Amino acid sequence: DMPDYLALTQRLFTTDANVRNVKSFFSIKRSKFGASLPLPEKM
């Protein structure tokens, strides 16, 4: 829910004087279907 996310980020980041800029990136398309990686066979 974006309004809740916006309220959370404003509360967390705008109250800290050390934070000057915040950027958020969102994926709109899933490009990876699994978390497994192929591992090399033991030699």
PDB file of N, CA and C in Angstrom:
ATOM      1  N   ASP A   1       0.849  -1.168   0.000  1.00  0.00           N
ATOM      2  CA  ASP A   1       0.000   0.000   0.000  1.00  0.00           C
ATOM      3  C   ASP A   1       0.900   1.237   0.000  1.00  0.00           C
ATOM      4  N   MET A   2       0.886   1.980  -1.076  1.00  0.00           N
ATOM      5  CA  MET A   2       1.824   3.085  -1.255  1.00  0.00           C
ATOM      6  C   MET A   2       1.627   4.240  -0.267  1.00  0.00           C
ATOM      7  N   PRO A   3       0.424   4.634   0.100  1.00  0.00           N
ATOM      8  CA  PRO A   3       0.301   5.713   1.096  1.00  0.00           C
ATOM      9  C   PRO A   3       0.949   5.348   2.429  1.00  0.00           C
ATOM     10  N   ASP A   4       0.819   4.087   2.838  1.00  0.00           N
ATOM     11  CA  ASP A   4       1.462   3.660   4.085  1.00  0.00           C
ATOM     12  C   ASP A   4       2.980   3.661   3.947  1.00  0.00           C
ATOM     13  N   TYR A   5       3.479   3.230   2.771  1.00  0.00           N
ATOM     14  CA  TYR A   5       4.927   3.235   2.534  1.00  0.00           C
ATOM     15  C   TYR A   5       5.460   4.669   2.556  1.00  0.00           C
ATOM     16  N   LEU A   6       4.747   5.569   1.927  1.00  0.00           N
ATOM     17  CA  LEU A   6       5.166   6.974   1.909  1.00  0.00           C
ATOM     18  C   LEU A   6       5.203   7.546   3.324  1.00  0.00           C
ATOM     19  N   ALA A   7       4.193   7.242   4.121  1.00  0.00           N
ATOM     20  CA  ALA A   7       4.167   7.721   5.509  1.00  0.00           C
ATOM     21  C   ALA A   7       5.329   7.137   6.308  1.00  0.00           C
ATOM     22  N   LEU A   8       5.629   5.863   6.095  1.00  0.00           N
ATOM     23  CA  LEU A   8       6.751   5.220   6.792  1.00  0.00           C
ATOM     24  C   LEU A   8       8.075   5.864   6.414  1.00  0.00           C
ATOM     25  N   THR A   9       8.322   6.060   5.119  1.00  0.00           N
ATOM     26  CA  THR A   9       9.596   6.648   4.702  1.00  0.00           C
ATOM     27  C   THR A   9       9.734   8.084   5.184  1.00  0.00           C
ATOM     28  N   GLN A  10       8.665   8.830   5.162  1.00  0.00           N
ATOM     29  CA  GLN A  10       8.743  10.204   5.661  1.00  0.00           C
ATOM     30  C   GLN A  10       9.053  10.222   7.150  1.00  0.00           C
ATOM     31  N   ARG A  11       8.438   9.332   7.888  1.00  0.00           N
ATOM     32  CA  ARG A  11       8.678   9.290   9.340  1.00  0.00           C
ATOM     33  C   ARG A  11      10.104   8.850   9.645  1.00  0.00           C
ATOM     34  N   LEU A  12      10.625   7.860   8.903  1.00  0.00           N
ATOM     35  CA  LEU A  12      11.950   7.325   9.204  1.00  0.00           C
ATOM     36  C   LEU A  12      13.093   8.203   8.706  1.00  0.00           C
ATOM     37  N   PHE A  13      12.933   8.799   7.520  1.00  0.00           N
ATOM     38  CA  PHE A  13      14.067   9.461   6.885  1.00  0.00           C
ATOM     39  C   PHE A  13      14.055  10.976   6.987  1.00  0.00           C
ATOM     40  N   THR A  14      12.923  11.604   7.073  1.00  0.00           N
ATOM     41  CA  THR A  14      12.927  13.073   7.100  1.00  0.00           C
ATOM     42  C   THR A  14      13.205  13.629   8.485  1.00  0.00           C
ATOM     43  N   THR A  15      13.115  12.797   9.514  1.00  0.00           N
ATOM     44  CA  THR A  15      13.408  13.285  10.861  1.00  0.00           C
ATOM     45  C   THR A  15      14.895  13.224  11.179  1.00  0.00           C
ATOM     46  N   ASP A  16      15.676  12.525  10.348  1.00  0.00           N
ATOM     47  CA  ASP A  16      17.115  12.380  10.581  1.00  0.00           C
ATOM     48  C   ASP A  16      17.863  13.443   9.785  1.00  0.00           C
ATOM     49  N   ALA A  17      18.610  14.299  10.457  1.00  0.00           N
ATOM     50  CA  ALA A  17      19.334  15.384   9.789  1.00  0.00           C
ATOM     51  C   ALA A  17      20.473  14.867   8.916  1.00  0.00           C
ATOM     52  N   ASN A  18      20.929  13.622   9.122  1.00  0.00           N
ATOM     53  CA  ASN A  18      22.023  13.068   8.329  1.00  0.00           C
ATOM     54  C   ASN A  18      21.561  12.510   6.988  1.00  0.00           C
ATOM     55  N   VAL A  19      20.278  12.371   6.769  1.00  0.00           N
ATOM     56  CA  VAL A  19      19.743  11.845   5.514  1.00  0.00           C
ATOM     57  C   VAL A  19      19.339  13.019   4.641  1.00  0.00           C
ATOM     58  N   ARG A  20      19.987  13.121   3.467  1.00  0.00           N
ATOM     59  CA  ARG A  20      19.677  14.227   2.567  1.00  0.00           C
ATOM     60  C   ARG A  20      18.751  13.803   1.437  1.00  0.00           C
ATOM     61  N   ASN A  21      18.990  12.635   0.849  1.00  0.00           N
ATOM     62  CA  ASN A  21      18.195  12.167  -0.287  1.00  0.00           C
ATOM     63  C   ASN A  21      17.818  10.707  -0.086  1.00  0.00           C
ATOM     64  N   VAL A  22      16.650  10.356  -0.564  1.00  0.00           N
ATOM     65  CA  VAL A  22      16.184   8.971  -0.514  1.00  0.00           C
ATOM     66  C   VAL A  22      15.586   8.634  -1.869  1.00  0.00           C
ATOM     67  N   LYS A  23      16.014   7.505  -2.446  1.00  0.00           N
ATOM     68  CA  LYS A  23      15.437   7.024  -3.700  1.00  0.00           C
ATOM     69  C   LYS A  23      14.916   5.616  -3.479  1.00  0.00           C
ATOM     70  N   SER A  24      13.768   5.334  -4.051  1.00  0.00           N
ATOM     71  CA  SER A  24      13.178   4.000  -3.968  1.00  0.00           C
ATOM     72  C   SER A  24      12.989   3.466  -5.377  1.00  0.00           C
ATOM     73  N   PHE A  25      13.275   2.192  -5.561  1.00  0.00           N
ATOM     74  CA  PHE A  25      13.089   1.538  -6.844  1.00  0.00           C
ATOM     75  C   PHE A  25      12.168   0.342  -6.661  1.00  0.00           C
ATOM     76  N   PHE A  26      11.217   0.192  -7.558  1.00  0.00           N
ATOM     77  CA  PHE A  26      10.259  -0.897  -7.491  1.00  0.00           C
ATOM     78  C   PHE A  26      10.289  -1.676  -8.793  1.00  0.00           C
ATOM     79  N   SER A  27      10.178  -2.960  -8.673  1.00  0.00           N
ATOM     80  CA  SER A  27      10.101  -3.813  -9.851  1.00  0.00           C
ATOM     81  C   SER A  27       8.642  -3.982 -10.249  1.00  0.00           C
ATOM     82  N   ILE A  28       8.381  -3.808 -11.533  1.00  0.00           N
ATOM     83  CA  ILE A  28       7.015  -4.019 -11.998  1.00  0.00           C
ATOM     84  C   ILE A  28       6.901  -5.311 -12.796  1.00  0.00           C
ATOM     85  N   LYS A  29       8.026  -5.989 -13.019  1.00  0.00           N
ATOM     86  CA  LYS A  29       8.022  -7.245 -13.753  1.00  0.00           C
ATOM     87  C   LYS A  29       8.954  -8.215 -13.049  1.00  0.00           C
ATOM     88  N   ARG A  30       8.469  -9.421 -12.823  1.00  0.00           N
ATOM     89  CA  ARG A  30       9.311 -10.433 -12.193  1.00  0.00           C
ATOM     90  C   ARG A  30      10.204 -11.038 -13.267  1.00  0.00           C
ATOM     91  N   SER A  31      11.509 -10.998 -13.066  1.00  0.00           N
ATOM     92  CA  SER A  31      12.430 -11.523 -14.067  1.00  0.00           C
ATOM     93  C   SER A  31      13.161 -12.765 -13.590  1.00  0.00           C
ATOM     94  N   LYS A  32      13.084 -13.079 -12.320  1.00  0.00           N
ATOM     95  CA  LYS A  32      13.765 -14.241 -11.770  1.00  0.00           C
ATOM     96  C   LYS A  32      12.719 -15.126 -11.105  1.00  0.00           C
ATOM     97  N   PHE A  33      12.762 -16.411 -11.403  1.00  0.00           N
ATOM     98  CA  PHE A  33      11.719 -17.296 -10.904  1.00  0.00           C
ATOM     99  C   PHE A  33      12.198 -18.206  -9.790  1.00  0.00           C
ATOM    100  N   GLY A  34      13.470 -18.222  -9.504  1.00  0.00           N
ATOM    101  CA  GLY A  34      13.991 -19.053  -8.433  1.00  0.00           C
ATOM    102  C   GLY A  34      15.218 -18.405  -7.821  1.00  0.00           C
ATOM    103  N   ALA A  35      15.542 -18.811  -6.620  1.00  0.00           N
ATOM    104  CA  ALA A  35      16.691 -18.228  -5.935  1.00  0.00           C
ATOM    105  C   ALA A  35      17.920 -19.130  -6.015  1.00  0.00           C
ATOM    106  N   SER A  36      17.803 -20.258  -6.677  1.00  0.00           N
ATOM    107  CA  SER A  36      18.931 -21.193  -6.719  1.00  0.00           C
ATOM    108  C   SER A  36      19.946 -20.779  -7.779  1.00  0.00           C
ATOM    109  N   LEU A  37      21.203 -21.045  -7.487  1.00  0.00           N
ATOM    110  CA  LEU A  37      22.298 -20.779  -8.414  1.00  0.00           C
ATOM    111  C   LEU A  37      23.000 -22.091  -8.717  1.00  0.00           C
ATOM    112  N   PRO A  38      23.404 -22.306  -9.959  1.00  0.00           N
ATOM    113  CA  PRO A  38      24.141 -23.532 -10.260  1.00  0.00           C
ATOM    114  C   PRO A  38      25.540 -23.470  -9.639  1.00  0.00           C
ATOM    115  N   LEU A  39      25.908 -24.509  -8.920  1.00  0.00           N
ATOM    116  CA  LEU A  39      27.224 -24.579  -8.291  1.00  0.00           C
ATOM    117  C   LEU A  39      28.112 -25.523  -9.085  1.00  0.00           C
ATOM    118  N   PRO A  40      29.401 -25.201  -9.192  1.00  0.00           N
ATOM    119  CA  PRO A  40      30.304 -26.101  -9.921  1.00  0.00           C
ATOM    120  C   PRO A  40      30.458 -27.425  -9.169  1.00  0.00           C
ATOM    121  N   GLU A  41      30.669 -28.484  -9.938  1.00  0.00           N
ATOM    122  CA  GLU A  41      30.876 -29.791  -9.315  1.00  0.00           C
ATOM    123  C   GLU A  41      32.232 -29.820  -8.633  1.00  0.00           C
ATOM    124  N   LYS A  42      32.347 -30.642  -7.577  1.00  0.00           N
ATOM    125  CA  LYS A  42      33.626 -30.774  -6.877  1.00  0.00           C
ATOM    126  C   LYS A  42      34.637 -31.422  -7.797  1.00  0.00           C
ATOM    127  N   MET A  43      35.869 -30.999  -7.678  1.00  0.00           N
ATOM    128  CA  MET A  43      36.924 -31.553  -8.528  1.00  0.00           C
ATOM    129  C   MET A  43      37.557 -32.739  -7.883  1.00  0.00           C
TER     130      MET A  43
END
